[in-house]
Amino acid sequence: MSLKVRFRFDGRCSMHPRYNPEEDGRPQSKDCAGCESLYVIYLYSRIARSKAESGDGLSRSRRVKQTTPEGSSAEQQPESTSLGEPE
């Protein structure tokens, strides 16, 4: 199974269109809600990116089919396994 996740956000502050939180860091104007929102989005996307790269907190579920004594198959509840564990 392969999963591809892209982290991209295109946003600009209407008051400060040149502000880029990745390059500029914290906003200079602490009263600007637009710059502060862009900075918070940048922080959360950076956290999500690092968790995705390390596989921390990611799990997957799979259905397990078992045969009953009568020979018919029955599905059980999905088992949750960590992506880091071997199967």
N, C-alpha and C. Protein backbone atom coordinates (compact mmCIF):
# COMPACT_ATOMS: atom_id res chain seq x y z
N MET A 1 0.85 -1.17 0.00
CA MET A 1 0.00 0.00 0.00
C MET A 1 0.89 1.23 0.00
N SER A 2 0.53 2.20 -0.78
CA SER A 2 1.31 3.42 -0.89
C SER A 2 0.41 4.62 -0.61
N LEU A 3 0.96 5.57 0.07
CA LEU A 3 0.21 6.77 0.41
C LEU A 3 1.07 7.98 0.09
N LYS A 4 0.51 8.91 -0.63
CA LYS A 4 1.24 10.12 -0.97
C LYS A 4 0.47 11.31 -0.42
N VAL A 5 1.14 12.09 0.39
CA VAL A 5 0.53 13.26 1.00
C VAL A 5 1.34 14.48 0.60
N ARG A 6 0.65 15.50 0.14
CA ARG A 6 1.33 16.75 -0.21
C ARG A 6 0.87 17.84 0.74
N PHE A 7 1.79 18.61 1.24
CA PHE A 7 1.49 19.73 2.12
C PHE A 7 1.76 21.01 1.35
N ARG A 8 0.67 21.71 1.04
CA ARG A 8 0.82 22.96 0.31
C ARG A 8 -0.33 23.87 0.69
N PHE A 9 0.00 25.10 0.96
CA PHE A 9 -1.01 26.09 1.28
C PHE A 9 -0.62 27.38 0.61
N ASP A 10 -1.49 27.92 -0.21
CA ASP A 10 -1.25 29.19 -0.88
C ASP A 10 -2.17 30.22 -0.25
N GLY A 11 -1.62 31.10 0.50
CA GLY A 11 -2.40 32.14 1.14
C GLY A 11 -1.58 33.40 1.29
N ARG A 12 -2.25 34.52 1.29
CA ARG A 12 -1.57 35.81 1.45
C ARG A 12 -2.37 36.67 2.39
N CYS A 13 -1.67 37.49 3.14
CA CYS A 13 -2.32 38.46 4.00
C CYS A 13 -2.72 39.65 3.13
N SER A 14 -3.93 40.15 3.31
CA SER A 14 -4.38 41.27 2.49
C SER A 14 -3.63 42.56 2.84
N MET A 15 -3.17 42.67 4.06
CA MET A 15 -2.43 43.88 4.48
C MET A 15 -0.94 43.77 4.16
N HIS A 16 -0.38 42.58 4.25
CA HIS A 16 1.06 42.36 4.03
C HIS A 16 1.25 41.21 3.04
N PRO A 17 1.06 41.45 1.75
CA PRO A 17 1.09 40.36 0.76
C PRO A 17 2.47 39.72 0.58
N ARG A 18 3.53 40.36 1.03
CA ARG A 18 4.87 39.78 0.86
C ARG A 18 5.30 38.92 2.05
N TYR A 19 4.48 38.85 3.08
CA TYR A 19 4.84 38.07 4.26
C TYR A 19 4.80 36.58 3.94
N ASN A 20 5.90 35.89 4.24
CA ASN A 20 6.02 34.44 4.05
C ASN A 20 6.52 33.85 5.36
N PRO A 21 5.68 33.13 6.10
CA PRO A 21 6.09 32.63 7.42
C PRO A 21 7.27 31.66 7.38
N GLU A 22 7.44 30.94 6.27
CA GLU A 22 8.55 30.01 6.17
C GLU A 22 9.89 30.74 6.11
N GLU A 23 9.93 31.87 5.45
CA GLU A 23 11.17 32.64 5.33
C GLU A 23 11.29 33.71 6.41
N ASP A 24 10.17 34.36 6.78
CA ASP A 24 10.21 35.50 7.68
C ASP A 24 10.04 35.16 9.15
N GLY A 25 9.55 33.96 9.45
CA GLY A 25 9.33 33.59 10.85
C GLY A 25 8.08 34.25 11.40
N ARG A 26 8.10 34.59 12.68
CA ARG A 26 6.94 35.22 13.31
C ARG A 26 6.63 36.55 12.63
N PRO A 27 5.35 36.91 12.54
CA PRO A 27 5.00 38.18 11.91
C PRO A 27 5.50 39.37 12.72
N GLN A 28 5.93 40.40 12.02
CA GLN A 28 6.42 41.61 12.70
C GLN A 28 5.28 42.35 13.36
N SER A 29 4.14 42.41 12.69
CA SER A 29 2.99 43.10 13.24
C SER A 29 2.14 42.11 14.02
N LYS A 30 2.16 42.20 15.34
CA LYS A 30 1.41 41.26 16.18
C LYS A 30 -0.09 41.53 16.14
N ASP A 31 -0.50 42.67 15.64
CA ASP A 31 -1.92 43.01 15.58
C ASP A 31 -2.58 42.56 14.29
N CYS A 32 -1.80 42.03 13.34
CA CYS A 32 -2.35 41.62 12.04
C CYS A 32 -2.87 40.19 12.14
N ALA A 33 -4.19 40.02 12.04
CA ALA A 33 -4.80 38.69 12.15
C ALA A 33 -4.45 37.81 10.95
N GLY A 34 -4.29 38.40 9.77
CA GLY A 34 -3.96 37.63 8.57
C GLY A 34 -2.59 37.00 8.66
N CYS A 35 -1.59 37.80 9.08
CA CYS A 35 -0.23 37.27 9.22
C CYS A 35 -0.15 36.23 10.32
N GLU A 36 -0.85 36.47 11.42
CA GLU A 36 -0.85 35.52 12.52
C GLU A 36 -1.49 34.20 12.10
N SER A 37 -2.57 34.26 11.33
CA SER A 37 -3.22 33.04 10.83
C SER A 37 -2.30 32.26 9.90
N LEU A 38 -1.61 32.95 9.02
CA LEU A 38 -0.66 32.29 8.12
C LEU A 38 0.45 31.60 8.91
N TYR A 39 0.91 32.24 9.97
CA TYR A 39 1.97 31.65 10.79
C TYR A 39 1.47 30.39 11.51
N VAL A 40 0.25 30.42 12.02
CA VAL A 40 -0.32 29.25 12.71
C VAL A 40 -0.51 28.10 11.72
N ILE A 41 -0.99 28.39 10.53
CA ILE A 41 -1.14 27.35 9.50
C ILE A 41 0.22 26.76 9.16
N TYR A 42 1.23 27.60 9.05
CA TYR A 42 2.58 27.12 8.77
C TYR A 42 3.08 26.19 9.88
N LEU A 43 2.86 26.56 11.14
CA LEU A 43 3.31 25.74 12.26
C LEU A 43 2.63 24.37 12.27
N TYR A 44 1.31 24.36 12.09
CA TYR A 44 0.58 23.08 12.10
C TYR A 44 0.94 22.21 10.91
N SER A 45 1.15 22.79 9.75
CA SER A 45 1.53 21.98 8.59
C SER A 45 2.94 21.43 8.76
N ARG A 46 3.82 22.17 9.43
CA ARG A 46 5.18 21.68 9.71
C ARG A 46 5.12 20.49 10.68
N ILE A 47 4.26 20.56 11.68
CA ILE A 47 4.09 19.45 12.62
C ILE A 47 3.54 18.23 11.89
N ALA A 48 2.53 18.43 11.06
CA ALA A 48 1.93 17.32 10.31
C ALA A 48 2.95 16.69 9.36
N ARG A 49 3.76 17.51 8.71
CA ARG A 49 4.77 17.00 7.79
C ARG A 49 5.79 16.14 8.54
N SER A 50 6.25 16.60 9.70
CA SER A 50 7.25 15.83 10.45
C SER A 50 6.66 14.52 10.96
N LYS A 51 5.39 14.54 11.39
CA LYS A 51 4.75 13.30 11.84
C LYS A 51 4.56 12.33 10.68
N ALA A 52 4.22 12.84 9.51
CA ALA A 52 4.04 11.98 8.34
C ALA A 52 5.36 11.37 7.90
N GLU A 53 6.44 12.12 7.95
CA GLU A 53 7.74 11.59 7.55
C GLU A 53 8.23 10.51 8.50
N SER A 54 7.95 10.68 9.80
CA SER A 54 8.40 9.68 10.77
C SER A 54 7.41 8.53 10.92
N GLY A 55 6.19 8.70 10.43
CA GLY A 55 5.17 7.66 10.56
C GLY A 55 4.58 7.61 11.96
N ASP A 56 4.78 8.64 12.73
CA ASP A 56 4.30 8.70 14.11
C ASP A 56 2.79 8.89 14.13
N GLY A 57 2.08 7.97 14.80
CA GLY A 57 0.65 8.10 14.96
C GLY A 57 -0.17 7.61 13.79
N LEU A 58 0.44 7.09 12.76
CA LEU A 58 -0.29 6.58 11.61
C LEU A 58 -0.58 5.10 11.81
N SER A 59 -1.77 4.70 11.50
CA SER A 59 -2.11 3.28 11.57
C SER A 59 -3.03 2.96 10.41
N ARG A 60 -3.16 1.71 10.13
CA ARG A 60 -4.05 1.29 9.06
C ARG A 60 -4.88 0.14 9.56
N SER A 61 -6.00 -0.09 8.94
CA SER A 61 -6.85 -1.21 9.34
C SER A 61 -7.02 -2.14 8.15
N ARG A 62 -7.22 -3.38 8.45
CA ARG A 62 -7.44 -4.36 7.39
C ARG A 62 -8.50 -5.33 7.85
N ARG A 63 -9.25 -5.82 6.93
CA ARG A 63 -10.30 -6.79 7.25
C ARG A 63 -9.68 -8.19 7.29
N VAL A 64 -10.10 -8.95 8.26
CA VAL A 64 -9.61 -10.31 8.42
C VAL A 64 -10.76 -11.26 8.13
N LYS A 65 -10.58 -12.15 7.17
CA LYS A 65 -11.61 -13.14 6.85
C LYS A 65 -11.25 -14.45 7.53
N GLN A 66 -12.24 -15.02 8.18
CA GLN A 66 -12.05 -16.31 8.81
C GLN A 66 -13.14 -17.24 8.31
N THR A 67 -12.80 -18.49 8.23
CA THR A 67 -13.82 -19.45 7.84
C THR A 67 -14.42 -20.06 9.10
N THR A 68 -15.71 -20.19 9.10
CA THR A 68 -16.42 -20.79 10.22
C THR A 68 -16.39 -22.31 10.05
N PRO A 69 -16.72 -23.04 11.09
CA PRO A 69 -16.70 -24.51 10.97
C PRO A 69 -17.61 -25.02 9.86
N GLU A 70 -18.64 -24.27 9.50
CA GLU A 70 -19.54 -24.71 8.43
C GLU A 70 -18.91 -24.52 7.05
N GLY A 71 -17.78 -23.81 6.97
CA GLY A 71 -17.11 -23.61 5.69
C GLY A 71 -17.38 -22.27 5.06
N SER A 72 -18.32 -21.49 5.59
CA SER A 72 -18.58 -20.18 5.02
C SER A 72 -17.62 -19.17 5.64
N SER A 73 -17.39 -18.08 4.93
CA SER A 73 -16.45 -17.09 5.45
C SER A 73 -17.22 -16.00 6.18
N ALA A 74 -16.60 -15.48 7.23
CA ALA A 74 -17.20 -14.40 8.03
C ALA A 74 -16.14 -13.32 8.24
N GLU A 75 -16.56 -12.07 8.15
CA GLU A 75 -15.63 -10.97 8.36
C GLU A 75 -15.67 -10.52 9.81
N GLN A 76 -14.49 -10.27 10.35
CA GLN A 76 -14.38 -9.74 11.69
C GLN A 76 -14.19 -8.24 11.63
N GLN A 77 -14.18 -7.63 12.80
CA GLN A 77 -13.89 -6.20 12.87
C GLN A 77 -12.48 -5.96 12.36
N PRO A 78 -12.22 -4.76 11.79
CA PRO A 78 -10.88 -4.48 11.29
C PRO A 78 -9.85 -4.48 12.43
N GLU A 79 -8.68 -5.02 12.13
CA GLU A 79 -7.58 -4.97 13.07
C GLU A 79 -6.78 -3.71 12.78
N SER A 80 -6.38 -3.01 13.80
CA SER A 80 -5.57 -1.81 13.62
C SER A 80 -4.12 -2.18 13.85
N THR A 81 -3.28 -1.90 12.86
CA THR A 81 -1.86 -2.17 12.97
C THR A 81 -1.09 -0.91 12.67
N SER A 82 0.03 -0.78 13.30
CA SER A 82 0.89 0.38 13.06
C SER A 82 1.62 0.17 11.75
N LEU A 83 1.89 1.25 11.04
CA LEU A 83 2.59 1.14 9.76
C LEU A 83 4.03 0.71 9.95
N GLY A 84 4.60 0.94 11.11
CA GLY A 84 5.98 0.61 11.35
C GLY A 84 6.20 -0.85 11.70
N GLU A 85 5.16 -1.60 12.05
CA GLU A 85 5.31 -2.99 12.46
C GLU A 85 5.31 -3.90 11.25
N PRO A 86 6.13 -4.94 11.26
CA PRO A 86 6.10 -5.91 10.16
C PRO A 86 4.86 -6.77 10.26
N GLU A 87 4.37 -7.23 9.13
CA GLU A 87 3.16 -8.06 9.12
C GLU A 87 3.50 -9.51 9.17
